[in-house]
Protein backbone atom coordinates (compact mmCIF):
# COMPACT_ATOMS: atom_id res chain seq x y z
CA MET A 1 1.50 21.29 -92.24
CA ASN A 2 3.85 19.15 -93.86
CA THR A 3 6.58 21.67 -94.63
CA GLN A 4 6.60 22.72 -90.91
CA ARG A 5 6.97 18.70 -89.48
CA ARG A 6 10.03 18.17 -92.03
CA LEU A 7 11.12 21.05 -90.75
CA ALA A 8 10.73 19.79 -86.81
CA LEU A 9 12.60 16.17 -87.82
CA ALA A 10 15.45 17.70 -89.66
CA VAL A 11 15.98 19.64 -86.30
CA SER A 12 15.53 16.76 -84.03
CA LEU A 13 18.32 14.10 -86.72
CA LEU A 14 20.91 16.56 -85.79
CA ALA A 15 20.78 16.81 -82.47
CA VAL A 16 20.81 13.02 -81.98
CA GLY A 17 23.92 13.61 -84.66
CA LEU A 18 25.05 16.09 -82.86
CA GLY A 19 24.58 14.20 -78.83
CA ALA A 20 25.97 10.27 -80.53
CA GLY A 21 29.19 12.31 -81.67
CA HIS A 22 29.88 13.52 -77.70
CA LEU A 23 28.96 10.57 -76.52
CA VAL A 24 31.65 8.81 -78.14
CA GLN A 25 34.36 11.13 -78.27
CA SER A 26 33.59 11.09 -74.43
CA ARG A 27 34.42 7.50 -73.49
CA ALA A 28 37.15 7.51 -76.50
CA ALA A 29 38.72 10.39 -73.17
CA LYS A 30 38.25 8.51 -69.65
CA PRO A 31 38.44 4.14 -69.38
CA ALA A 32 35.71 2.24 -69.25
CA ALA A 33 34.07 1.87 -65.95
CA PRO A 34 34.77 -2.06 -64.27
CA PRO A 35 31.64 -4.39 -64.63
CA ALA A 36 28.47 -3.95 -61.69
CA VAL A 37 29.17 -7.22 -59.35
CA GLU A 38 26.01 -8.53 -58.06
CA PRO A 39 25.66 -10.03 -53.83
CA VAL A 40 25.67 -13.36 -53.66
CA ALA A 41 23.72 -14.87 -50.87
CA GLU A 42 26.64 -16.63 -48.64
CA ALA A 43 25.08 -20.10 -48.88
CA ASP A 44 26.30 -20.28 -52.30
CA LEU A 45 30.21 -20.17 -51.44
CA LYS A 46 30.04 -23.22 -49.13
CA PRO A 47 31.51 -25.95 -51.34
CA LYS A 48 29.37 -28.61 -52.43
CA ASN A 49 28.97 -32.03 -50.86
CA VAL A 50 31.08 -31.41 -48.41
CA GLN A 51 30.36 -32.97 -44.74
CA GLN A 52 30.04 -31.09 -41.77
CA LEU A 53 32.06 -32.94 -39.13
CA ALA A 54 31.62 -32.54 -35.57
CA ALA A 55 34.08 -31.33 -32.81
CA GLY A 56 35.61 -34.68 -31.86
CA SER A 57 33.98 -36.62 -34.13
CA ASP A 58 35.80 -39.97 -35.28
CA ASP A 59 35.46 -39.13 -38.48
CA LEU A 60 38.86 -37.17 -38.73
CA ALA A 61 41.11 -39.63 -37.73
CA SER A 62 40.53 -40.23 -41.20
CA PRO A 63 40.54 -36.97 -43.13
CA LEU A 64 40.18 -39.17 -46.31
CA SER A 65 36.37 -39.96 -45.37
CA VAL A 66 35.63 -36.33 -46.05
CA LEU A 67 36.17 -36.22 -49.51
CA PRO A 68 33.07 -37.46 -51.43
CA PRO A 69 33.41 -40.22 -54.72
CA VAL A 70 34.68 -40.09 -57.67
CA ASP A 71 32.69 -41.49 -60.64
CA GLY A 72 34.17 -43.88 -62.33
CA LEU A 73 37.36 -44.14 -59.50
CA ASP A 74 37.29 -47.05 -56.55
CA PRO A 75 36.54 -44.97 -52.93
CA LEU A 76 40.30 -44.98 -51.41
CA PRO A 77 40.64 -46.96 -48.08
CA ALA A 78 40.48 -45.21 -44.52
CA ALA A 79 44.00 -44.52 -43.09
CA PRO A 80 44.88 -47.85 -41.05
CA ALA A 81 44.57 -45.86 -37.08
CA LEU A 82 47.62 -45.60 -35.11
CA LYS A 83 48.85 -47.39 -32.22
CA PRO A 84 51.26 -45.96 -29.69
CA ALA A 85 54.64 -48.41 -30.44
CA GLU A 86 54.91 -51.34 -26.68
CA PRO A 87 58.26 -49.68 -24.52
CA LYS A 88 61.39 -51.86 -24.95
CA VAL A 89 62.74 -52.82 -21.55
CA VAL A 90 67.21 -52.66 -22.41
CA THR A 91 68.65 -53.89 -19.45
CA ALA A 92 71.56 -52.10 -19.72
CA PRO A 93 74.86 -54.02 -19.56
CA LYS A 94 76.99 -54.53 -15.44
CA PRO A 95 80.32 -52.27 -15.79
CA ALA A 96 82.86 -54.90 -16.25
CA ALA A 97 84.21 -54.57 -12.26
CA LEU A 98 80.96 -54.68 -10.53
CA ALA A 99 80.00 -58.34 -12.91
CA ALA A 100 83.30 -59.13 -11.59
CA ALA A 101 82.75 -58.27 -7.73
CA ASP A 102 79.35 -60.85 -8.41
CA CYS A 103 81.84 -63.41 -8.98
CA ASP A 104 84.32 -63.14 -6.47
CA MET A 105 85.26 -65.80 -4.32
CA SER A 106 86.50 -66.48 -0.51
CA LEU A 107 88.17 -69.11 1.88
CA ASP A 108 88.05 -68.40 5.72
CA LEU A 109 89.14 -70.75 7.84
CA LEU A 110 88.65 -70.86 11.15
CA ALA A 111 91.51 -72.87 13.97
CA ASP A 112 88.99 -74.91 16.31
CA SER A 113 88.38 -77.21 19.20
CA ASN A 114 90.64 -81.26 18.59
CA ALA A 115 92.75 -78.89 16.79
CA MET A 116 89.74 -79.26 13.78
CA ILE A 117 89.68 -76.97 10.91
CA GLY A 118 86.22 -75.55 10.07
CA ILE A 119 86.17 -74.26 6.43
CA THR A 120 84.36 -71.87 4.30
CA VAL A 121 83.92 -71.26 1.37
CA ILE A 122 81.60 -68.77 -1.02
CA ALA A 123 81.40 -69.22 -4.78
CA PRO A 124 78.78 -67.63 -6.22
CA CYS A 125 79.33 -67.91 -9.59
CA ARG A 126 80.00 -71.86 -8.46
CA PRO A 127 77.39 -72.90 -7.19
CA ASN A 128 76.45 -77.16 -7.02
CA GLN A 129 80.31 -77.82 -7.98
CA ARG A 130 83.11 -80.75 -7.47
CA VAL A 131 85.61 -78.78 -4.89
CA MET A 132 88.81 -81.02 -3.94
CA VAL A 133 90.48 -79.81 -1.33
CA LYS A 134 94.40 -80.68 -0.50
CA HIS A 135 96.00 -80.34 3.46
CA GLY A 136 98.47 -81.87 4.56
CA GLY A 137 98.68 -85.49 2.19
CA LEU A 138 94.51 -85.71 2.38
CA ALA A 139 92.55 -85.42 -0.88
CA VAL A 140 89.36 -85.54 -1.18
CA THR A 141 86.28 -83.65 -2.44
CA GLY A 142 83.89 -81.49 -1.38
CA LYS A 143 80.95 -79.32 -3.43
CA THR A 144 79.17 -76.08 -3.22
CA SER A 145 75.51 -75.83 -2.18
CA ALA A 146 72.88 -74.14 -5.26
CA SER A 147 74.75 -70.78 -3.98
CA GLY A 148 77.91 -71.77 -4.24
CA THR A 149 78.99 -72.10 -0.30
CA MET A 150 80.89 -74.65 0.96
CA PHE A 151 81.50 -75.76 5.15
CA MET A 152 83.69 -78.10 6.02
CA ASN A 153 85.39 -79.60 9.07
CA LEU A 154 88.49 -81.38 8.62
CA PRO A 155 91.71 -82.47 11.05
CA ALA A 156 94.62 -80.08 11.36
CA MET A 157 97.58 -82.84 10.16
CA GLU A 158 100.21 -79.42 10.72
CA VAL A 159 101.02 -76.65 12.49
CA GLN A 160 101.52 -74.47 9.64
CA ALA A 161 97.57 -75.71 8.26
CA ARG A 162 97.82 -74.86 4.30
CA ILE A 163 94.68 -75.37 2.58
CA GLU A 164 94.19 -75.36 -0.77
CA LEU A 165 90.81 -75.94 -3.18
CA SER A 166 91.01 -76.69 -6.28
CA PHE A 167 87.70 -76.38 -9.06
CA PRO A 168 87.18 -78.01 -12.34
CA ASP A 169 87.88 -75.21 -14.80
CA GLY A 170 92.07 -75.56 -12.64
CA GLU A 171 90.86 -71.80 -10.64
CA LYS A 172 92.75 -72.89 -7.18
CA LEU A 173 91.80 -71.08 -3.74
CA GLY A 174 94.55 -71.34 -1.17
CA SER A 175 95.33 -70.19 2.64
CA THR A 176 97.06 -71.22 5.94
CA VAL A 177 96.21 -71.08 9.53
CA GLU A 178 98.25 -71.61 12.97
CA MET A 179 97.51 -74.56 14.02
CA PRO A 180 99.40 -74.88 18.02
CA GLU A 181 97.49 -78.25 19.23
CA VAL A 182 99.07 -80.38 16.43
CA ALA A 183 102.72 -80.09 17.97
CA ALA A 184 101.35 -82.51 20.88
CA MET A 185 98.72 -84.18 18.80
CA GLN A 186 98.94 -87.75 16.86
CA ARG A 187 96.41 -88.57 13.83
CA PHE A 188 96.10 -91.38 11.90
CA ALA A 189 94.65 -91.58 7.81
CA VAL A 190 93.47 -94.23 4.97
CA GLN A 191 92.19 -91.90 1.52
CA TRP A 192 91.01 -93.78 -1.46
CA LEU A 193 89.06 -93.43 -4.80
CA GLU A 194 86.05 -93.75 -5.82
CA ARG A 195 84.47 -97.63 -5.70
CA ASP A 196 88.51 -98.00 -4.09
CA ALA A 197 86.54 -98.04 0.16
CA PHE A 198 88.55 -98.60 3.41
CA GLN A 199 87.83 -98.78 6.97
CA LEU A 200 89.73 -97.51 10.26
CA GLN A 201 88.83 -99.54 12.58
CA ALA A 202 90.88 -98.07 16.23
CA PHE A 203 91.00 -99.95 19.46
CA GLU A 204 91.71 -97.89 22.50
CA ASN A 205 93.50 -99.25 25.74
CA GLY A 206 92.72 -102.87 24.86
CA ALA A 207 88.86 -103.17 23.51
CA ASP A 208 87.18 -105.39 21.49
CA TYR A 209 85.39 -104.96 18.83
CA GLY A 210 82.07 -103.56 19.34
CA GLN A 211 82.99 -102.99 23.43
CA PRO A 212 83.49 -99.46 24.79
CA GLY A 213 86.10 -97.74 23.18
CA HIS A 214 86.20 -99.41 19.50
CA VAL A 215 85.78 -96.05 18.02
CA SER A 216 84.96 -97.03 13.67
CA ALA A 217 82.88 -95.20 11.40
CA VAL A 218 79.64 -96.43 12.72
CA LYS A 219 80.48 -95.71 16.19
CA PRO A 220 83.28 -92.22 15.48
CA GLN A 221 83.17 -90.61 19.29
CA THR A 222 83.73 -87.44 17.38
CA PRO A 223 83.18 -84.78 20.05
CA ALA A 224 80.45 -81.89 20.12
CA PRO A 225 81.63 -78.72 17.78
CA GLY A 226 84.07 -76.71 21.37
CA LEU A 227 84.06 -79.25 22.90
CA ALA A 228 87.55 -81.27 24.25
CA ALA A 229 87.08 -84.85 23.05
CA GLN A 230 87.73 -87.19 25.59
CA GLY A 231 89.23 -89.45 23.75
CA GLY A 232 89.92 -90.78 20.74
CA PHE A 233 87.66 -90.25 17.39
CA VAL A 234 87.23 -90.74 13.85
CA THR A 235 86.07 -87.56 10.75
CA LEU A 236 84.65 -89.00 7.81
CA LEU A 237 85.67 -86.30 4.72
CA GLY A 238 84.81 -86.24 1.52
CA ASP A 239 81.88 -86.14 -0.91
CA GLU A 240 80.44 -88.89 -2.46
CA THR A 241 77.61 -87.34 -4.27
CA VAL A 242 80.41 -86.12 -6.65
CA ASP A 243 82.53 -87.44 -9.92
CA LEU A 244 85.22 -89.39 -9.14
CA PRO A 245 85.17 -88.74 -5.45
CA MET A 246 87.40 -88.37 -2.20
CA LEU A 247 87.31 -90.37 0.99
CA ALA A 248 88.67 -90.24 3.67
CA GLU A 249 88.72 -91.91 7.01
CA VAL A 250 91.00 -89.93 9.99
CA TYR A 251 91.44 -91.12 13.13
CA THR A 252 92.58 -89.06 15.99
CA PHE A 253 94.29 -90.65 18.93
CA PRO A 254 93.41 -89.45 22.54
CA ALA A 255 95.98 -87.16 24.58
CA LYS A 256 96.18 -90.09 27.14
CA GLY A 257 95.91 -93.68 26.17
CA GLU A 258 97.14 -96.04 23.95
CA ALA A 259 95.30 -96.95 20.57
CA GLU A 260 95.61 -99.70 17.55
CA VAL A 261 94.35 -99.11 14.59
CA LEU A 262 93.50 -101.35 11.90
CA VAL A 263 92.42 -100.98 8.37
CA GLU A 264 90.32 -103.62 6.69
CA ALA A 265 88.15 -103.77 2.88
CA ALA A 266 85.60 -105.44 2.95
CA VAL A 267 84.98 -107.87 0.12
CA THR A 268 81.81 -106.79 -1.71
CA PRO A 269 79.76 -107.01 -5.59
CA GLU A 270 82.13 -103.34 -6.28
CA THR A 271 84.87 -104.20 -4.67
CA CYS A 272 86.35 -108.36 -5.10
CA GLY A 273 88.16 -110.08 -7.92
CA ARG A 274 90.18 -106.47 -8.66
CA GLU A 275 93.35 -104.69 -7.43
CA LEU A 276 92.23 -101.52 -4.91
CA LEU A 277 94.20 -98.25 -4.39
CA GLY A 278 94.84 -96.05 -1.82
CA GLU A 279 97.11 -94.66 0.78
CA THR A 280 97.53 -93.55 4.12
CA VAL A 281 98.57 -90.49 6.11
CA SER A 282 99.75 -89.93 8.86
CA ALA A 283 100.54 -87.36 11.11
CA VAL A 284 102.37 -87.74 14.43
CA GLY A 285 103.29 -83.91 16.20
CA GLY A 286 103.14 -82.08 12.44
CA LYS A 287 105.18 -83.72 10.98
CA ILE A 288 103.65 -86.07 7.96
CA SER A 289 103.84 -89.02 6.17
CA VAL A 290 102.32 -90.78 3.20
CA SER A 291 102.50 -94.47 1.92
CA GLU A 292 100.59 -96.06 -1.09
CA LEU A 293 98.03 -98.88 -0.25
CA THR A 294 96.89 -101.87 -2.65
CA LEU A 295 95.16 -104.80 -1.75
CA ALA A 296 94.53 -107.32 -3.63
CA MET A 297 91.20 -108.83 -3.96
CA PRO A 298 89.88 -111.98 -4.06
CA GLU A 299 86.82 -113.27 -5.95
CA CYS A 300 83.60 -112.70 -5.97
CA GLU A 301 82.71 -116.33 -4.58
CA ALA A 302 84.29 -114.33 -0.97
CA ALA A 303 81.64 -111.85 -1.04
CA GLY A 304 81.58 -110.35 2.43
CA ASP A 305 84.36 -112.20 3.99
CA ILE A 306 86.47 -109.05 4.76
CA LEU A 307 90.63 -108.67 4.93
CA VAL A 308 92.24 -106.61 7.96
CA LEU A 309 95.34 -104.65 7.56
CA LYS A 310 97.93 -104.90 10.23
CA ASN A 311 100.70 -102.33 11.71
CA LEU A 312 99.84 -100.32 8.93
CA VAL A 313 100.83 -97.44 12.03
CA PRO A 314 104.12 -95.84 12.06
CA GLU A 315 105.39 -96.90 15.32
CA MET A 316 105.78 -93.72 16.85
CA LYS A 317 106.02 -91.53 20.10
CA LEU A 318 105.06 -88.67 20.87
CA ALA A 319 107.76 -85.95 22.50
CA ALA A 320 105.20 -84.62 24.77
CA ARG A 321 103.48 -87.79 25.50
């Protein structure tokens, strides 16, 4: 028994040795197979500590808010919400030609009845400005409105009536209108500057103060527009609200009859104790004559008195009269 058991053990060991050698030789000849990979559950693939965001959530506005806090570091501040930029309104500059057109000025003259000149000024870039108006020896002031317009009626002194306007900055406008009626008319004017006031008094057909035929600034007898004058009349000129106002009174003689014209100066606190300066302008048949007028006023104790100047109107007759 012992001998058989030993033989069987030896045979088994020999078989094991031969099998092991064959296995080693076989592994050296073939590449090693990759290790087997165990399947991983889908839930294990999801990152941990990541919040699931619903579509449309406000948290999408700040992607940093989904990151988990890190130990030892302060959390990052949330990104500020972006505000839409406010639109800026940019006004395109006006073309130079259009800007110049907005500031164009015009002067229109109209020959009206009784040899009156209708003046229309349009100057949109010159509102509330002083305007000096010159014509036939007359020089008076006007003023544009808030919209830059000015309207004035001026007695024509010449047949070829030239009107010239001057603005404070030196800009000028001028135009001419034909006034044939002036050839058969006679006019007389007195003009002054600021406080140097004079007054015209006309007495038609032997009238006295306060009687019919007495014409003055108090009772000018100005004819209605478009109607012929029945007698002489006085036209008041000038805007006294402007700086250094230039004022005038113009008397138009009646077509028939005679009239005596006087110039007066009242002694007032504004005129007393000094010398008044002015001018007289006479227009006969369209021919102009201008004379200086100087008057020494009495002291202020004489306030209320009136000085009368006679023989200022030239003794001339119209050929057509």
